Amino acid sequence: MPTNQIDTEFDVSCVDSVGNALKKLGGISEFDIDLEKQTVKVTGSVAPSEIVKSIQDTGKDAIIRGAGTPDSAAVCILESFDEKDKQSPVKGLARIVSVSKDSIVVDLTINGVPKGEYYPSFRESGNLFKGALSTGKSIHDLKPLFASEASDKGSLFSSQEFLKAPLSIGSIIGRSIVVSPKENEVTNDSLVGVIARSAGVWQNDKYVCSCTGQTIWQERAVSISKGIN
């Protein structure tokens, strides 16, 4: 597989429209649709969130079931600990996949934030006792992103970027990601989340959650209502 290409597996609500949607995206090397299981595996250098958006643009939906090889993927839900965001704290999501021993790609999305530039970084600690303020020093600063796209959260905005970092998956598990509205400064309203391992391709065959009894599509609806897309 070429450098910076990743495998991603999706559950799809309708396979008929998926092929045409994927063909319109650049950066996809190949895809394999399983009609019986209603899944599609995609190989390419496109951000998983962009693939989901492309499928959603057809009027259908998709869920990222797994990405990368076993033990090569991680996820981080980004929340605000600021009092003004108490009713809707979830503001973003980072999906992280290893592309080599010491290199990762980060599919970073923020949503429901004021318009402006934001500065994401990996932090040395996963201590959220004081929100982003207790996560320690930065171990790597990512490229800034600019929230300028209309959000589904009223007059607020969103942004998505596919970023690279010279880190390994193993070195960041249990640490945190902070997204701050100020460069080189962590603020009270900075977004933050702890990094946890996530499933690789073919590692997650769950259709009904044993905890809630909900199907993956019912869980999907709940996640969207909480700001996790």
C-alpha atoms as a PDB file:
ATOM      1  CA  MET A   1       0.000   0.000   0.000  1.00  0.00           C
ATOM      2  CA  PRO A   2       1.417   3.463  -0.891  1.00  0.00           C
ATOM      3  CA  THR A   3       2.554   5.719   1.960  1.00  0.00           C
ATOM      4  CA  ASN A   4      -0.208   7.665   3.720  1.00  0.00           C
ATOM      5  CA  GLN A   5      -2.923   5.374   2.341  1.00  0.00           C
ATOM      6  CA  ILE A   6      -5.235   3.761   4.872  1.00  0.00           C
ATOM      7  CA  ASP A   7      -7.946   1.128   4.845  1.00  0.00           C
ATOM      8  CA  THR A   8     -11.307   2.156   6.301  1.00  0.00           C
ATOM      9  CA  GLU A   9     -14.412   0.005   6.767  1.00  0.00           C
ATOM     10  CA  PHE A  10     -17.894   1.553   6.765  1.00  0.00           C
ATOM     11  CA  ASP A  11     -21.406   0.364   7.494  1.00  0.00           C
ATOM     12  CA  VAL A  12     -23.728   1.879   4.897  1.00  0.00           C
ATOM     13  CA  SER A  13     -27.502   2.266   4.936  1.00  0.00           C
ATOM     14  CA  CYS A  14     -27.763   1.608   1.191  1.00  0.00           C
ATOM     15  CA  VAL A  15     -25.002   0.132  -0.966  1.00  0.00           C
ATOM     16  CA  ASP A  16     -26.561   1.105  -4.304  1.00  0.00           C
ATOM     17  CA  SER A  17     -25.501   4.761  -4.113  1.00  0.00           C
ATOM     18  CA  VAL A  18     -22.102   4.187  -2.520  1.00  0.00           C
ATOM     19  CA  GLY A  19     -20.109   3.212  -5.611  1.00  0.00           C
ATOM     20  CA  ASN A  20     -20.993   6.347  -7.564  1.00  0.00           C
ATOM     21  CA  ALA A  21     -20.308   8.564  -4.546  1.00  0.00           C
ATOM     22  CA  LEU A  22     -16.843   7.072  -4.022  1.00  0.00           C
ATOM     23  CA  LYS A  23     -15.904   7.332  -7.700  1.00  0.00           C
ATOM     24  CA  LYS A  24     -16.280  11.115  -7.458  1.00  0.00           C
ATOM     25  CA  LEU A  25     -13.646  11.377  -4.713  1.00  0.00           C
ATOM     26  CA  GLY A  26      -9.986  11.778  -5.597  1.00  0.00           C
ATOM     27  CA  GLY A  27      -7.400   9.832  -3.629  1.00  0.00           C
ATOM     28  CA  ILE A  28      -9.238   6.499  -3.514  1.00  0.00           C
ATOM     29  CA  SER A  29      -7.224   3.560  -4.832  1.00  0.00           C
ATOM     30  CA  GLU A  30      -9.900   0.909  -4.518  1.00  0.00           C
ATOM     31  CA  PHE A  31     -13.089  -0.019  -2.722  1.00  0.00           C
ATOM     32  CA  ASP A  32     -14.905  -3.269  -2.073  1.00  0.00           C
ATOM     33  CA  ILE A  33     -18.652  -3.373  -1.417  1.00  0.00           C
ATOM     34  CA  ASP A  34     -20.235  -6.292   0.442  1.00  0.00           C
ATOM     35  CA  LEU A  35     -23.911  -6.333  -0.523  1.00  0.00           C
ATOM     36  CA  GLU A  36     -24.881  -8.953   2.053  1.00  0.00           C
ATOM     37  CA  LYS A  37     -23.244  -7.252   5.042  1.00  0.00           C
ATOM     38  CA  GLN A  38     -24.015  -3.692   3.837  1.00  0.00           C
ATOM     39  CA  THR A  39     -20.388  -2.686   4.315  1.00  0.00           C
ATOM     40  CA  VAL A  40     -17.724  -1.091   2.152  1.00  0.00           C
ATOM     41  CA  LYS A  41     -13.950  -1.186   2.581  1.00  0.00           C
ATOM     42  CA  VAL A  42     -12.057   1.770   1.101  1.00  0.00           C
ATOM     43  CA  THR A  43      -8.313   2.080   0.465  1.00  0.00           C
ATOM     44  CA  GLY A  44      -6.949   5.559  -0.159  1.00  0.00           C
ATOM     45  CA  SER A  45      -5.555   8.808   1.174  1.00  0.00           C
ATOM     46  CA  VAL A  46      -8.921  10.499   1.721  1.00  0.00           C
ATOM     47  CA  ALA A  47     -10.025  11.450   5.232  1.00  0.00           C
ATOM     48  CA  PRO A  48     -12.638   8.965   6.530  1.00  0.00           C
ATOM     49  CA  SER A  49     -14.929  11.872   7.440  1.00  0.00           C
ATOM     50  CA  GLU A  50     -14.820  13.075   3.816  1.00  0.00           C
ATOM     51  CA  ILE A  51     -15.918   9.630   2.640  1.00  0.00           C
ATOM     52  CA  VAL A  52     -18.820   9.667   5.107  1.00  0.00           C
ATOM     53  CA  LYS A  53     -19.822  13.147   3.901  1.00  0.00           C
ATOM     54  CA  SER A  54     -19.700  12.021   0.263  1.00  0.00           C
ATOM     55  CA  ILE A  55     -22.013   9.102   1.040  1.00  0.00           C
ATOM     56  CA  GLN A  56     -24.325  11.339   3.082  1.00  0.00           C
ATOM     57  CA  ASP A  57     -24.572  13.734   0.127  1.00  0.00           C
ATOM     58  CA  THR A  58     -26.412  10.946  -1.726  1.00  0.00           C
ATOM     59  CA  GLY A  59     -29.119  11.044   0.948  1.00  0.00           C
ATOM     60  CA  LYS A  60     -27.833   7.871   2.627  1.00  0.00           C
ATOM     61  CA  ASP A  61     -25.776   7.420   5.781  1.00  0.00           C
ATOM     62  CA  ALA A  62     -22.540   5.695   6.732  1.00  0.00           C
ATOM     63  CA  ILE A  63     -20.753   4.710   9.936  1.00  0.00           C
ATOM     64  CA  ILE A  64     -17.004   4.251  10.265  1.00  0.00           C
ATOM     65  CA  ARG A  65     -16.663   0.712  11.605  1.00  0.00           C
ATOM     66  CA  GLY A  66     -12.865   0.515  11.664  1.00  0.00           C
ATOM     67  CA  ALA A  67      -9.713   2.023  10.175  1.00  0.00           C
ATOM     68  CA  GLY A  68      -6.171   0.825   9.643  1.00  0.00           C
ATOM     69  CA  THR A  69      -4.668  -2.477  10.723  1.00  0.00           C
ATOM     70  CA  PRO A  70      -5.133  -3.992  14.220  1.00  0.00           C
ATOM     71  CA  ASP A  71      -3.764  -1.719  16.991  1.00  0.00           C
ATOM     72  CA  SER A  72      -3.083   1.081  14.502  1.00  0.00           C
ATOM     73  CA  ALA A  73      -6.078   3.344  15.133  1.00  0.00           C
ATOM     74  CA  ALA A  74      -7.283   5.676  17.868  1.00  0.00           C
ATOM     75  CA  VAL A  75     -10.101   8.101  18.543  1.00  0.00           C
ATOM     76  CA  CYS A  76     -10.575  11.238  20.641  1.00  0.00           C
ATOM     77  CA  ILE A  77     -13.904  12.936  21.420  1.00  0.00           C
ATOM     78  CA  LEU A  78     -13.345  16.660  21.919  1.00  0.00           C
ATOM     79  CA  GLU A  79     -15.365  18.475  24.564  1.00  0.00           C
ATOM     80  CA  SER A  80     -15.545  21.929  26.074  1.00  0.00           C
ATOM     81  CA  PHE A  81     -15.354  22.196  29.864  1.00  0.00           C
ATOM     82  CA  ASP A  82     -16.427  25.840  29.745  1.00  0.00           C
ATOM     83  CA  GLU A  83     -19.578  26.629  31.737  1.00  0.00           C
ATOM     84  CA  LYS A  84     -21.273  28.236  28.725  1.00  0.00           C
ATOM     85  CA  ASP A  85     -21.082  24.923  26.839  1.00  0.00           C
ATOM     86  CA  LYS A  86     -22.531  22.812  29.659  1.00  0.00           C
ATOM     87  CA  GLN A  87     -25.684  21.921  27.703  1.00  0.00           C
ATOM     88  CA  SER A  88     -23.778  20.853  24.585  1.00  0.00           C
ATOM     89  CA  PRO A  89     -20.163  20.042  25.511  1.00  0.00           C
ATOM     90  CA  VAL A  90     -19.151  17.815  22.586  1.00  0.00           C
ATOM     91  CA  LYS A  91     -17.539  19.966  19.907  1.00  0.00           C
ATOM     92  CA  GLY A  92     -15.428  17.650  17.790  1.00  0.00           C
ATOM     93  CA  LEU A  93     -13.841  14.339  16.998  1.00  0.00           C
ATOM     94  CA  ALA A  94     -10.359  13.185  16.006  1.00  0.00           C
ATOM     95  CA  ARG A  95      -9.848   9.866  14.225  1.00  0.00           C
ATOM     96  CA  ILE A  96      -6.201   8.828  14.194  1.00  0.00           C
ATOM     97  CA  VAL A  97      -4.608   6.132  12.018  1.00  0.00           C
ATOM     98  CA  SER A  98      -0.983   4.982  11.809  1.00  0.00           C
ATOM     99  CA  VAL A  99       0.538   5.061   8.311  1.00  0.00           C
ATOM    100  CA  SER A 100       4.037   3.960   9.362  1.00  0.00           C
ATOM    101  CA  LYS A 101       5.983   3.141  12.534  1.00  0.00           C
ATOM    102  CA  ASP A 102       6.421   6.793  13.519  1.00  0.00           C
ATOM    103  CA  SER A 103       3.809   8.599  11.450  1.00  0.00           C
ATOM    104  CA  ILE A 104       0.080   9.112  11.909  1.00  0.00           C
ATOM    105  CA  VAL A 105      -2.721  10.926  10.125  1.00  0.00           C
ATOM    106  CA  VAL A 106      -5.405  12.773  12.066  1.00  0.00           C
ATOM    107  CA  ASP A 107      -8.897  13.257  10.652  1.00  0.00           C
ATOM    108  CA  LEU A 108      -9.915  16.214  12.821  1.00  0.00           C
ATOM    109  CA  THR A 109     -13.389  17.749  12.879  1.00  0.00           C
ATOM    110  CA  ILE A 110     -14.685  20.557  15.096  1.00  0.00           C
ATOM    111  CA  ASN A 111     -18.297  21.708  15.072  1.00  0.00           C
ATOM    112  CA  GLY A 112     -20.419  24.271  16.873  1.00  0.00           C
ATOM    113  CA  VAL A 113     -17.609  26.750  17.551  1.00  0.00           C
ATOM    114  CA  PRO A 114     -17.222  30.496  16.901  1.00  0.00           C
ATOM    115  CA  LYS A 115     -15.701  31.439  13.557  1.00  0.00           C
ATOM    116  CA  GLY A 116     -11.923  31.692  13.645  1.00  0.00           C
ATOM    117  CA  GLU A 117      -8.586  29.909  13.723  1.00  0.00           C
ATOM    118  CA  TYR A 118      -7.960  26.997  16.091  1.00  0.00           C
ATOM    119  CA  TYR A 119      -4.704  25.399  17.197  1.00  0.00           C
ATOM    120  CA  PRO A 120      -4.696  21.626  17.855  1.00  0.00           C
ATOM    121  CA  SER A 121      -1.932  19.876  19.763  1.00  0.00           C
ATOM    122  CA  PHE A 122      -1.089  16.551  21.372  1.00  0.00           C
ATOM    123  CA  ARG A 123      -0.537  16.969  25.116  1.00  0.00           C
ATOM    124  CA  GLU A 124       1.702  15.033  27.497  1.00  0.00           C
ATOM    125  CA  SER A 125      -1.135  14.087  29.871  1.00  0.00           C
ATOM    126  CA  GLY A 126      -4.675  12.759  29.716  1.00  0.00           C
ATOM    127  CA  ASN A 127      -5.571  14.396  33.033  1.00  0.00           C
ATOM    128  CA  LEU A 128      -8.854  16.269  32.519  1.00  0.00           C
ATOM    129  CA  PHE A 129      -9.359  17.259  36.177  1.00  0.00           C
ATOM    130  CA  LYS A 130      -9.336  20.910  35.076  1.00  0.00           C
ATOM    131  CA  GLY A 131     -10.329  20.265  31.487  1.00  0.00           C
ATOM    132  CA  ALA A 132      -7.724  21.319  28.949  1.00  0.00           C
ATOM    133  CA  LEU A 133      -5.839  23.290  31.607  1.00  0.00           C
ATOM    134  CA  SER A 134      -4.527  20.146  33.332  1.00  0.00           C
ATOM    135  CA  THR A 135      -3.174  18.315  30.255  1.00  0.00           C
ATOM    136  CA  GLY A 136       0.425  19.481  30.578  1.00  0.00           C
ATOM    137  CA  LYS A 137       2.820  20.559  27.850  1.00  0.00           C
ATOM    138  CA  SER A 138       2.419  20.051  24.117  1.00  0.00           C
ATOM    139  CA  ILE A 139       4.342  17.094  22.673  1.00  0.00           C
ATOM    140  CA  HIS A 140       3.436  18.081  19.110  1.00  0.00           C
ATOM    141  CA  ASP A 141       1.594  21.028  17.569  1.00  0.00           C
ATOM    142  CA  LEU A 142      -0.595  20.260  14.573  1.00  0.00           C
ATOM    143  CA  LYS A 143      -1.364  22.574  11.670  1.00  0.00           C
ATOM    144  CA  PRO A 144      -4.030  25.188  12.573  1.00  0.00           C
ATOM    145  CA  LEU A 145      -7.532  24.866  11.172  1.00  0.00           C
ATOM    146  CA  PHE A 146     -10.030  27.618  10.406  1.00  0.00           C
ATOM    147  CA  ALA A 147     -13.688  27.229  11.351  1.00  0.00           C
ATOM    148  CA  SER A 148     -15.600  28.969   8.579  1.00  0.00           C
ATOM    149  CA  GLU A 149     -18.115  26.405   7.306  1.00  0.00           C
ATOM    150  CA  ALA A 150     -21.710  26.805   8.415  1.00  0.00           C
ATOM    151  CA  SER A 151     -22.503  24.508  11.331  1.00  0.00           C
ATOM    152  CA  ASP A 152     -25.718  22.701  12.208  1.00  0.00           C
ATOM    153  CA  LYS A 153     -25.482  24.525  15.552  1.00  0.00           C
ATOM    154  CA  GLY A 154     -27.221  27.809  14.795  1.00  0.00           C
ATOM    155  CA  SER A 155     -24.865  30.695  14.013  1.00  0.00           C
ATOM    156  CA  LEU A 156     -21.729  28.717  14.877  1.00  0.00           C
ATOM    157  CA  PHE A 157     -19.165  27.155  12.540  1.00  0.00           C
ATOM    158  CA  SER A 158     -17.265  23.961  11.759  1.00  0.00           C
ATOM    159  CA  SER A 159     -14.029  22.789  10.157  1.00  0.00           C
ATOM    160  CA  GLN A 160     -12.383  19.540   9.061  1.00  0.00           C
ATOM    161  CA  GLU A 161      -8.718  18.885   8.284  1.00  0.00           C
ATOM    162  CA  PHE A 162      -6.617  15.803   7.472  1.00  0.00           C
ATOM    163  CA  LEU A 163      -3.346  16.346   9.341  1.00  0.00           C
ATOM    164  CA  LYS A 164      -0.051  14.490   9.764  1.00  0.00           C
ATOM    165  CA  ALA A 165       2.178  14.057  12.809  1.00  0.00           C
ATOM    166  CA  PRO A 166       5.540  12.290  13.395  1.00  0.00           C
ATOM    167  CA  LEU A 167       4.198  10.177  16.260  1.00  0.00           C
ATOM    168  CA  SER A 168       3.258   6.551  16.859  1.00  0.00           C
ATOM    169  CA  ILE A 169      -0.152   5.319  17.977  1.00  0.00           C
ATOM    170  CA  GLY A 170       1.365   3.651  21.039  1.00  0.00           C
ATOM    171  CA  SER A 171       2.991   6.887  22.191  1.00  0.00           C
ATOM    172  CA  ILE A 172      -0.276   8.871  22.306  1.00  0.00           C
ATOM    173  CA  ILE A 173      -2.770   6.425  23.839  1.00  0.00           C
ATOM    174  CA  GLY A 174      -3.930   7.832  27.196  1.00  0.00           C
ATOM    175  CA  ARG A 175      -2.634  11.297  26.368  1.00  0.00           C
ATOM    176  CA  SER A 176      -4.921  14.046  25.091  1.00  0.00           C
ATOM    177  CA  ILE A 177      -5.633  16.403  22.227  1.00  0.00           C
ATOM    178  CA  VAL A 178      -6.345  20.066  22.900  1.00  0.00           C
ATOM    179  CA  VAL A 179      -7.841  22.460  20.347  1.00  0.00           C
ATOM    180  CA  SER A 180      -7.349  26.040  21.491  1.00  0.00           C
ATOM    181  CA  PRO A 181      -8.660  29.303  20.025  1.00  0.00           C
ATOM    182  CA  LYS A 182      -5.296  30.879  20.912  1.00  0.00           C
ATOM    183  CA  GLU A 183      -1.867  29.966  19.581  1.00  0.00           C
ATOM    184  CA  ASN A 184       0.570  28.558  22.160  1.00  0.00           C
ATOM    185  CA  GLU A 185      -1.985  28.976  24.935  1.00  0.00           C
ATOM    186  CA  VAL A 186      -4.534  26.674  26.565  1.00  0.00           C
ATOM    187  CA  THR A 187      -7.721  28.507  27.553  1.00  0.00           C
ATOM    188  CA  ASN A 188     -10.762  27.652  29.672  1.00  0.00           C
ATOM    189  CA  ASP A 189     -12.836  27.122  26.528  1.00  0.00           C
ATOM    190  CA  SER A 190     -10.246  24.997  24.698  1.00  0.00           C
ATOM    191  CA  LEU A 191     -11.612  21.678  23.436  1.00  0.00           C
ATOM    192  CA  VAL A 192     -10.035  18.565  24.907  1.00  0.00           C
ATOM    193  CA  GLY A 193     -10.336  14.786  24.919  1.00  0.00           C
ATOM    194  CA  VAL A 194      -8.405  11.683  25.961  1.00  0.00           C
ATOM    195  CA  ILE A 195      -7.035   9.473  23.178  1.00  0.00           C
ATOM    196  CA  ALA A 196      -8.214   5.845  23.209  1.00  0.00           C
ATOM    197  CA  ARG A 197      -7.628   2.897  20.916  1.00  0.00           C
ATOM    198  CA  SER A 198     -10.283   2.153  18.302  1.00  0.00           C
ATOM    199  CA  ALA A 199     -11.056  -0.776  16.031  1.00  0.00           C
ATOM    200  CA  GLY A 200      -9.076  -1.531  12.905  1.00  0.00           C
ATOM    201  CA  VAL A 201     -10.633  -2.826   9.693  1.00  0.00           C
ATOM    202  CA  TRP A 202     -12.504  -6.129  10.250  1.00  0.00           C
ATOM    203  CA  GLN A 203     -12.023  -5.902  14.048  1.00  0.00           C
ATOM    204  CA  ASN A 204     -15.537  -4.649  14.816  1.00  0.00           C
ATOM    205  CA  ASP A 205     -18.415  -6.895  13.782  1.00  0.00           C
ATOM    206  CA  LYS A 206     -20.932  -5.525  16.284  1.00  0.00           C
ATOM    207  CA  TYR A 207     -24.425  -4.813  14.940  1.00  0.00           C
ATOM    208  CA  VAL A 208     -26.288  -4.632  18.260  1.00  0.00           C
ATOM    209  CA  CYS A 209     -24.655  -3.039  21.311  1.00  0.00           C
ATOM    210  CA  SER A 210     -24.647  -5.417  24.286  1.00  0.00           C
ATOM    211  CA  CYS A 211     -24.741  -2.435  26.673  1.00  0.00           C
ATOM    212  CA  THR A 212     -27.836  -0.647  25.329  1.00  0.00           C
ATOM    213  CA  GLY A 213     -29.530  -3.202  23.077  1.00  0.00           C
ATOM    214  CA  GLN A 214     -29.547  -0.586  20.321  1.00  0.00           C
ATOM    215  CA  THR A 215     -28.526  -1.264  16.740  1.00  0.00           C
ATOM    216  CA  ILE A 216     -25.553   0.618  15.309  1.00  0.00           C
ATOM    217  CA  TRP A 217     -27.973   2.896  13.432  1.00  0.00           C
ATOM    218  CA  GLN A 218     -29.905   3.719  16.620  1.00  0.00           C
ATOM    219  CA  GLU A 219     -26.604   4.479  18.359  1.00  0.00           C
ATOM    220  CA  ARG A 220     -25.635   6.609  15.363  1.00  0.00           C
ATOM    221  CA  ALA A 221     -28.740   8.770  15.835  1.00  0.00           C
ATOM    222  CA  VAL A 222     -27.931   9.242  19.529  1.00  0.00           C
ATOM    223  CA  SER A 223     -24.321  10.184  18.710  1.00  0.00           C
ATOM    224  CA  ILE A 224     -25.406  12.791  16.158  1.00  0.00           C
ATOM    225  CA  SER A 225     -27.775  14.341  18.705  1.00  0.00           C
ATOM    226  CA  LYS A 226     -24.774  14.749  21.028  1.00  0.00           C
ATOM    227  CA  GLY A 227     -22.627  16.362  18.332  1.00  0.00           C
ATOM    228  CA  ILE A 228     -20.559  13.298  17.355  1.00  0.00           C
ATOM    229  CA  ASN A 229     -20.773  12.792  13.598  1.00  0.00           C
END
